[in-house]
Protein backbone atom coordinates (compact mmCIF):
# COMPACT_ATOMS: atom_id res chain seq x y z
CA MET A 1 -49.71 84.80 50.71
CA ASN A 2 -52.44 87.44 50.68
CA ILE A 3 -54.77 87.30 47.69
CA PRO A 4 -55.77 90.82 46.56
CA VAL A 5 -59.49 91.56 46.78
CA MET A 6 -60.95 92.71 43.49
CA GLU A 7 -62.88 95.98 43.77
CA LYS A 8 -66.48 95.60 42.70
CA THR A 9 -67.68 97.49 39.63
CA ARG A 10 -69.64 100.61 40.48
CA ILE A 11 -73.05 101.05 38.89
CA VAL A 12 -75.47 103.97 39.19
CA ILE A 13 -79.25 103.61 38.75
CA ALA A 14 -80.70 107.12 38.57
CA SER A 15 -84.15 108.66 38.41
CA LEU A 16 -85.46 112.18 38.93
CA LEU A 17 -88.94 111.51 40.27
CA LYS A 18 -88.89 107.91 41.52
CA PRO A 19 -88.32 107.08 45.21
CA LEU A 20 -85.01 105.55 46.24
CA LYS A 21 -86.68 102.22 46.95
CA ASP A 22 -88.64 102.24 43.72
CA SER A 23 -90.17 98.94 42.66
CA ARG A 24 -88.09 98.85 39.47
CA ALA A 25 -84.78 100.52 40.39
CA PHE A 26 -84.40 98.87 43.80
CA TYR A 27 -86.57 95.75 43.95
CA ARG A 28 -86.08 94.62 40.36
CA MET A 29 -82.72 95.94 39.19
CA ALA A 30 -80.56 96.50 42.27
CA LEU A 31 -81.55 93.34 44.12
CA SER A 32 -81.10 91.23 40.97
CA LEU A 33 -77.64 92.64 40.31
CA ARG A 34 -76.53 92.34 43.94
CA GLU A 35 -76.99 88.57 43.73
CA THR A 36 -74.03 88.37 41.34
CA ASN A 37 -71.72 89.76 44.06
CA LYS A 38 -69.90 91.74 41.35
CA TYR A 39 -71.19 95.28 41.81
CA HIS A 40 -71.45 98.25 44.12
CA LEU A 41 -74.91 99.59 43.31
CA ASN A 42 -75.72 103.26 43.82
CA ILE A 43 -79.37 104.34 43.59
CA ILE A 44 -80.08 108.03 42.98
CA GLY A 45 -83.63 109.31 43.28
CA PHE A 46 -86.21 111.09 45.42
CA SER A 47 -86.74 110.61 49.13
CA THR A 48 -88.37 112.48 52.00
CA LYS A 49 -86.14 110.63 54.47
CA LYS A 50 -82.65 109.20 54.52
CA GLU A 51 -82.52 105.56 53.48
CA ASP A 52 -80.02 103.32 55.24
CA ASP A 53 -77.42 101.78 52.95
CA GLN A 54 -77.48 98.02 52.54
CA LYS A 55 -74.89 95.44 51.57
CA ASP A 56 -73.50 96.66 48.22
CA ILE A 57 -76.43 99.09 47.75
CA TYR A 58 -76.01 102.80 48.49
CA PHE A 59 -78.66 105.54 48.36
CA TYR A 60 -78.31 109.18 47.24
CA SER A 61 -81.23 111.61 47.24
CA LEU A 62 -81.61 114.34 44.63
CA TYR A 63 -84.53 115.73 46.66
CA GLU A 64 -85.23 115.51 50.36
CA SER A 65 -88.44 117.57 50.33
CA ASP A 66 -91.06 118.74 47.82
CA ARG A 67 -89.81 118.72 44.23
CA THR A 68 -90.17 122.43 43.43
CA ALA A 69 -89.43 123.84 39.98
CA LEU A 70 -86.48 125.81 41.41
CA LYS A 71 -84.85 122.68 42.83
CA ARG A 72 -85.32 120.82 39.54
CA LEU A 73 -83.24 123.49 37.80
CA PHE A 74 -80.19 122.38 39.78
CA VAL A 75 -80.75 118.64 39.52
CA ALA A 76 -78.50 118.12 36.48
CA TYR A 77 -75.61 119.83 38.27
CA LYS A 78 -76.17 117.85 41.48
CA PHE A 79 -76.44 114.60 39.52
CA LEU A 80 -73.16 115.28 37.70
CA ARG A 81 -71.44 116.00 41.02
CA LEU A 82 -72.72 112.69 42.40
CA LEU A 83 -71.40 110.85 39.35
CA LYS A 84 -67.97 112.40 39.87
CA LYS A 85 -68.07 111.30 43.51
CA ILE A 86 -69.25 107.73 42.86
CA LYS A 87 -67.14 107.16 39.71
CA PRO A 88 -69.40 104.51 38.11
CA LYS A 89 -68.34 102.26 35.24
CA LEU A 90 -71.97 102.00 34.13
CA ILE A 91 -74.93 104.38 34.48
CA ILE A 92 -78.58 103.39 34.12
CA VAL A 93 -80.73 106.49 33.57
CA THR A 94 -84.49 106.10 33.87
CA THR A 95 -85.65 109.62 32.97
CA TYR A 96 -84.86 112.05 30.14
CA GLU A 97 -83.95 114.96 32.48
CA LEU A 98 -80.77 113.17 33.56
CA LEU A 99 -79.58 112.15 30.10
CA ILE A 100 -77.38 115.19 29.38
CA PRO A 101 -75.31 115.07 32.61
CA ALA A 102 -74.99 111.29 32.14
CA VAL A 103 -73.71 111.81 28.59
CA ILE A 104 -71.22 114.44 29.80
CA TYR A 105 -69.87 112.04 32.42
CA LYS A 106 -69.71 109.19 29.90
CA VAL A 107 -67.64 111.27 27.48
CA LEU A 108 -65.29 112.48 30.20
CA LYS A 109 -64.81 109.16 32.00
CA ASN A 110 -65.51 106.57 29.28
CA SER A 111 -68.30 104.89 31.23
CA LYS A 112 -71.18 102.87 29.81
CA LEU A 113 -74.66 104.41 29.56
CA ILE A 114 -77.99 102.57 29.54
CA TYR A 115 -81.33 104.33 29.07
CA ASP A 116 -84.15 102.46 30.78
CA ILE A 117 -87.32 103.76 29.12
CA GLN A 118 -90.07 103.28 31.68
CA GLU A 119 -92.51 105.69 30.03
CA ASN A 120 -93.25 107.03 26.57
CA HIS A 121 -92.96 110.61 27.80
CA SER A 122 -94.26 112.25 24.63
CA LEU A 123 -97.47 110.20 24.72
CA ASN A 124 -97.85 110.78 28.45
CA ILE A 125 -97.66 114.55 28.04
CA ARG A 126 -100.24 114.50 25.26
CA PHE A 127 -102.78 112.25 26.96
CA ASN A 128 -102.15 111.96 30.72
CA ARG A 129 -103.38 115.47 31.63
CA SER A 130 -100.40 116.05 33.91
CA VAL A 131 -99.48 119.39 32.29
CA SER A 132 -101.59 122.14 30.74
CA LYS A 133 -102.24 121.98 26.99
CA PRO A 134 -100.13 125.07 26.09
CA LEU A 135 -97.11 123.35 27.67
CA HIS A 136 -97.58 120.24 25.49
CA PHE A 137 -96.07 122.09 22.54
CA LEU A 138 -93.02 123.10 24.57
CA ILE A 139 -92.24 120.04 26.68
CA SER A 140 -92.81 117.26 24.13
CA PRO A 141 -90.33 118.66 21.54
CA LEU A 142 -87.84 119.30 24.36
CA ILE A 143 -88.00 115.65 25.44
CA GLN A 144 -87.57 114.47 21.86
CA PHE A 145 -84.60 116.82 21.42
CA LEU A 146 -82.86 115.58 24.59
CA GLU A 147 -83.40 111.94 23.66
CA PHE A 148 -82.26 112.52 20.06
CA CYS A 149 -79.06 114.32 21.12
CA SER A 150 -78.23 111.58 23.62
CA ARG A 151 -78.84 108.67 21.24
CA PRO A 152 -75.27 108.39 19.82
CA PHE A 153 -73.89 108.05 23.35
CA ILE A 154 -76.29 105.43 24.69
CA ASP A 155 -74.83 101.92 24.71
CA GLN A 156 -78.06 100.07 25.42
CA TYR A 157 -81.79 100.72 25.62
CA ILE A 158 -84.12 98.88 27.97
CA LEU A 159 -87.89 99.04 27.50
CA ALA A 160 -90.31 98.50 30.37
CA GLU A 161 -93.21 97.78 27.99
CA THR A 162 -93.41 95.61 24.86
CA CYS A 163 -95.56 98.24 23.12
CA TYR A 164 -92.65 100.72 23.17
CA LYS A 165 -91.03 98.68 20.38
CA ALA A 166 -93.79 99.85 18.02
CA GLU A 167 -94.11 103.33 19.51
CA ILE A 168 -90.36 104.05 19.30
CA PRO A 169 -89.31 101.97 16.26
CA LYS A 170 -85.81 103.49 15.96
CA LEU A 171 -84.65 101.53 19.02
CA VAL A 172 -83.99 98.35 17.08
CA ASP A 173 -81.58 96.78 19.60
CA ALA A 174 -83.63 97.52 22.71
CA VAL A 175 -84.14 94.80 25.32
CA ILE A 176 -87.59 94.43 26.90
CA LEU A 177 -87.64 93.95 30.67
CA GLU A 178 -91.25 94.24 31.80
CA ASN A 179 -92.33 95.30 35.28
CA LYS A 180 -93.16 91.85 36.55
CA PHE A 181 -93.58 90.93 40.21
CA THR A 182 -90.31 90.85 42.13
CA GLY A 183 -91.13 88.68 45.12
CA ALA A 184 -90.51 85.00 45.77
CA TYR A 185 -92.81 82.44 44.18
CA ARG A 186 -96.04 82.12 46.14
CA GLU A 187 -98.51 79.31 46.53
CA VAL A 188 -101.68 80.33 44.70
CA LYS A 189 -104.86 78.38 45.32
CA PRO A 190 -108.17 78.59 43.42
CA LYS A 191 -110.32 81.33 44.88
CA CYS A 192 -114.11 81.63 45.18
CA PHE A 193 -116.31 84.23 46.85
CA GLU A 194 -119.66 83.40 48.37
CA LEU A 195 -122.59 85.78 48.16
CA ASP A 196 -122.62 88.31 51.03
CA GLN A 197 -119.18 87.42 52.35
CA PRO A 198 -117.10 90.57 53.02
CA LEU A 199 -115.22 91.74 49.92
CA ARG A 200 -112.16 93.95 50.38
CA PHE A 201 -111.30 95.92 47.23
CA LEU A 202 -107.96 97.64 46.66
CA ILE A 203 -106.72 100.54 44.53
CA SER A 204 -103.00 101.23 44.91
CA GLY A 205 -99.99 103.02 43.44
CA THR A 206 -99.92 106.36 41.64
CA LEU A 207 -103.31 108.08 41.90
CA THR A 208 -104.07 110.30 38.90
CA GLU A 209 -107.11 111.24 36.83
CA VAL A 210 -106.31 109.02 33.84
CA TYR A 211 -105.93 106.01 36.13
CA GLY A 212 -109.66 106.33 36.77
CA ILE A 213 -109.48 106.52 40.56
CA ILE A 214 -112.41 108.84 41.27
CA GLY A 215 -114.61 107.05 38.74
CA ALA A 216 -113.83 103.75 40.48
CA MET A 217 -114.62 105.29 43.88
CA ARG A 218 -118.03 106.40 42.60
CA TRP A 219 -118.56 102.95 41.08
CA PHE A 220 -117.74 101.41 44.46
CA GLY A 221 -120.20 103.85 46.09
CA GLU A 222 -122.96 102.21 44.06
CA PHE A 223 -121.50 98.72 44.59
CA VAL A 224 -121.57 99.05 48.38
CA GLN A 225 -125.22 100.08 48.29
CA GLN A 226 -126.03 96.70 46.77
CA TYR A 227 -123.32 94.74 48.60
CA PRO A 228 -123.09 96.31 52.09
CA THR A 229 -120.26 94.08 53.36
CA ALA A 230 -117.83 95.42 50.75
CA SER A 231 -115.00 97.84 51.58
CA LEU A 232 -112.41 99.74 49.55
CA HIS A 233 -108.82 100.62 50.48
CA VAL A 234 -107.20 103.35 48.38
CA ILE A 235 -103.47 103.72 49.05
CA GLY A 236 -101.05 105.66 46.92
CA HIS A 237 -99.20 108.73 45.78
CA VAL A 238 -101.16 111.76 44.52
CA THR A 239 -99.07 113.61 41.93
CA ILE A 240 -101.50 116.53 41.45
CA PRO A 241 -102.71 118.15 44.72
CA ASN A 242 -106.07 119.29 43.29
CA TYR A 243 -106.88 115.71 42.34
CA GLY A 244 -106.13 114.52 45.86
CA GLU A 245 -108.46 117.19 47.26
CA GLU A 246 -111.21 116.05 44.89
CA MET A 247 -110.71 112.44 46.04
CA ILE A 248 -111.21 113.56 49.64
CA ARG A 249 -114.40 115.46 48.73
CA VAL A 250 -115.83 112.48 46.82
CA ASN A 251 -114.95 110.14 49.67
CA THR A 252 -117.12 112.05 52.16
CA SER A 253 -120.26 110.65 50.52
CA ILE A 254 -119.10 107.03 50.10
CA PRO A 255 -119.16 104.57 53.03
CA HIS A 256 -116.58 101.87 53.81
CA VAL A 257 -113.65 103.60 52.04
CA ASP A 258 -110.22 103.80 53.70
CA LEU A 259 -108.42 106.64 51.90
CA GLU A 260 -104.66 106.49 52.52
CA ILE A 261 -103.08 109.04 50.16
CA SER A 262 -99.76 110.88 50.20
CA ARG A 263 -98.07 113.78 48.40
CA THR A 264 -94.91 111.66 48.20
CA PRO A 265 -94.38 108.09 46.95
CA ILE A 266 -95.46 105.37 49.37
CA ALA A 267 -92.96 102.63 50.21
CA TYR A 268 -93.46 99.55 48.03
CA ASP A 269 -93.53 97.19 51.01
CA ARG A 270 -96.59 99.07 52.33
CA ILE A 271 -98.30 98.58 48.97
CA LEU A 272 -97.55 94.85 49.11
CA LYS A 273 -99.02 94.60 52.61
CA ALA A 274 -102.20 96.22 51.27
CA TYR A 275 -102.33 93.51 48.59
CA ASP A 276 -102.07 90.83 51.26
CA ARG A 277 -105.18 92.21 53.00
CA ALA A 278 -107.22 92.61 49.78
CA ASP A 279 -109.63 90.17 48.14
CA LEU A 280 -109.95 91.89 44.76
CA VAL A 281 -108.00 94.66 43.02
CA LEU A 282 -109.52 97.41 40.86
CA LEU A 283 -107.69 98.46 37.66
CA PRO A 284 -109.95 101.27 36.40
CA TYR A 285 -107.52 102.86 33.90
CA TYR A 286 -108.78 105.21 31.18
CA GLN A 287 -108.39 103.65 27.74
CA ILE A 288 -106.17 106.27 26.11
CA PRO A 289 -103.14 105.79 23.78
CA SER A 290 -100.63 106.29 26.60
CA ILE A 291 -102.19 103.50 28.70
CA SER A 292 -104.22 100.98 26.70
CA PRO A 293 -101.30 99.23 24.87
CA LYS A 294 -99.45 98.59 28.14
CA ILE A 295 -99.72 95.78 30.66
CA PRO A 296 -99.96 97.48 34.08
CA SER A 297 -97.44 96.35 36.67
CA LYS A 298 -100.41 96.00 39.04
CA MET A 299 -101.76 93.27 36.77
CA TYR A 300 -98.51 91.33 37.12
CA GLU A 301 -98.72 91.81 40.90
CA CYS A 302 -102.26 90.42 40.92
CA LEU A 303 -101.30 87.45 38.75
CA ALA A 304 -98.27 86.62 40.89
CA MET A 305 -100.03 86.99 44.25
CA GLY A 306 -103.24 85.29 43.18
CA LYS A 307 -105.42 88.37 43.62
CA PRO A 308 -108.45 88.51 41.29
CA PHE A 309 -108.84 91.87 39.56
CA LEU A 310 -111.52 93.92 37.83
CA HIS A 311 -110.14 95.83 34.83
CA SER A 312 -111.40 98.46 32.39
CA PRO A 313 -112.50 97.19 28.95
CA ASN A 314 -109.32 96.25 27.07
CA GLU A 315 -108.91 93.27 24.72
CA LYS A 316 -105.28 92.56 25.67
CA TRP A 317 -106.03 92.67 29.39
CA LYS A 318 -109.17 90.58 28.92
CA SER A 319 -107.14 87.93 27.10
CA ILE A 320 -104.62 87.76 29.96
CA ALA A 321 -107.37 87.62 32.59
CA ASN A 322 -109.23 84.87 30.73
CA GLN A 323 -106.07 82.82 30.11
CA HIS A 324 -105.37 82.55 33.83
CA LYS A 325 -108.98 82.95 35.05
CA ALA A 326 -107.63 85.87 37.04
CA GLY A 327 -110.11 88.69 36.55
CA LEU A 328 -113.19 90.27 35.01
CA GLU A 329 -113.74 93.12 32.58
CA VAL A 330 -115.84 95.94 34.09
CA ASP A 331 -117.01 99.28 32.72
CA PHE A 332 -116.52 101.53 35.75
CA CYS A 333 -118.57 104.27 34.08
CA ASP A 334 -121.66 102.05 33.95
CA LEU A 335 -123.28 102.04 37.38
CA SER A 336 -126.11 99.84 36.13
CA ASN A 337 -123.79 96.84 35.76
CA ILE A 338 -123.35 96.23 39.51
CA PRO A 339 -125.76 93.24 39.77
CA GLN A 340 -124.00 91.50 36.87
CA VAL A 341 -120.58 92.17 38.44
CA ILE A 342 -121.71 90.77 41.79
CA ASP A 343 -123.04 87.68 40.06
CA SER A 344 -119.79 87.23 38.09
CA ILE A 345 -117.63 87.61 41.20
CA THR A 346 -119.64 85.15 43.29
CA SER A 347 -120.09 82.57 40.53
CA SER A 348 -116.46 82.46 39.33
CA THR A 349 -113.52 80.36 40.39
CA PHE A 350 -110.35 82.41 40.00
CA PHE A 351 -106.85 80.99 39.47
CA GLU A 352 -108.01 77.42 38.89
CA LYS A 353 -104.55 76.54 37.53
CA GLY A 354 -102.69 78.00 40.49
CA ILE A 355 -99.47 79.99 40.26
CA VAL A 356 -98.74 82.13 37.17
CA LYS A 357 -94.93 81.89 37.02
CA SER A 358 -94.70 84.04 33.89
CA ALA A 359 -95.83 87.03 36.00
CA TYR A 360 -92.64 86.88 38.09
CA TRP A 361 -89.51 88.94 37.40
CA LYS A 362 -87.32 86.00 38.42
CA ALA A 363 -88.87 83.76 35.73
CA GLN A 364 -86.95 85.50 32.93
CA GLU A 365 -86.15 89.20 33.44
CA HIS A 366 -83.96 88.59 36.49
CA GLU A 367 -81.32 86.62 34.58
CA ALA A 368 -81.74 88.71 31.41
CA LEU A 369 -80.78 91.87 33.32
CA GLN A 370 -77.69 90.23 34.81
CA LYS A 371 -76.50 89.12 31.36
CA LEU A 372 -77.28 92.50 29.79
CA ILE A 373 -75.18 94.38 32.35
CA GLU A 374 -72.28 91.95 32.00
CA VAL A 375 -72.31 92.24 28.20
CA ASN A 376 -72.42 96.04 28.25
CA LEU A 377 -69.54 96.33 30.69
CA LYS A 378 -67.41 94.28 28.29
CA LYS A 379 -68.19 96.51 25.30
CA ARG A 380 -65.30 98.56 24.02
CA TYR A 381 -65.82 102.30 23.63
CA VAL A 382 -65.86 103.46 20.01
CA PRO A 383 -65.74 107.29 19.75
């Protein structure tokens, strides 16, 4: 007697600007859900090259080249066509631009819809300097309008940051799944640095003005004058071309800097390899309302991999660093502090207690996501 094989439930995880193998969509969500062996997972996002499908994970690109304004006009239509092709029972949308087509599909096909809020877009537009000031007054209300209109159709909210609970108080039933490190548990040993031993610093990820990259490069330029065996590796994605050009100009006058920047997102596994080669990580973020309440995913990566970090002045971050003896607070605008920083680095013992399991996705968020998806698929639709 042949036993019929149950078809796996189809799920879509969609973003407009994130790469197909994004650290959250692919490494955190898709890989966690694949372990259940219950789902066909379809990731929709941005890619400059075709990604090979994997077991139960399929990739669809909304863009295969530069994300021009003209192409973005047709994204909603293309996304809706992909949904009709894939026929998902559940859609996870990670950006406001895709909410309306997702809502349309939900109404037509009675699917479930989850909005994974990875950013507070309104705050970002006001403070992150990614768009010109005149556009603030147009884009921010548009985002709020799209999110408000979609709210009755969203079955579940996920928040990537705890602070979003206070910033968006109407989302009373939201589940917090922070961007913790996705890899396997690592052995972390106490770490000390001797005076004059080579120090390899790292800056990685998205490279923008408010992340303090150029300020940190200039700070390192002074550091290397006093500590000649130091080096800095900058690897990441430049979202604003003019800023990337300024980084290149600044770099011409600073020795021992390896500048590895790209106009498109860099594969996460390359970022992780850069971590493996680094001794210390720089987190030079500006302290503005769109950044300071968050816990950067890079901080979780440092905690999980046992990489000491230097962070901008921030009481929450300082508390985390002190709790695990994982890092030091540094004012990257103060070039006179270099001798004190050198002394602190070479006189400290980092990670005396070893592994920080709470920094890992698998410690809590992994199972929480699996349960959340299962619960939402069982919900009955109430029109």
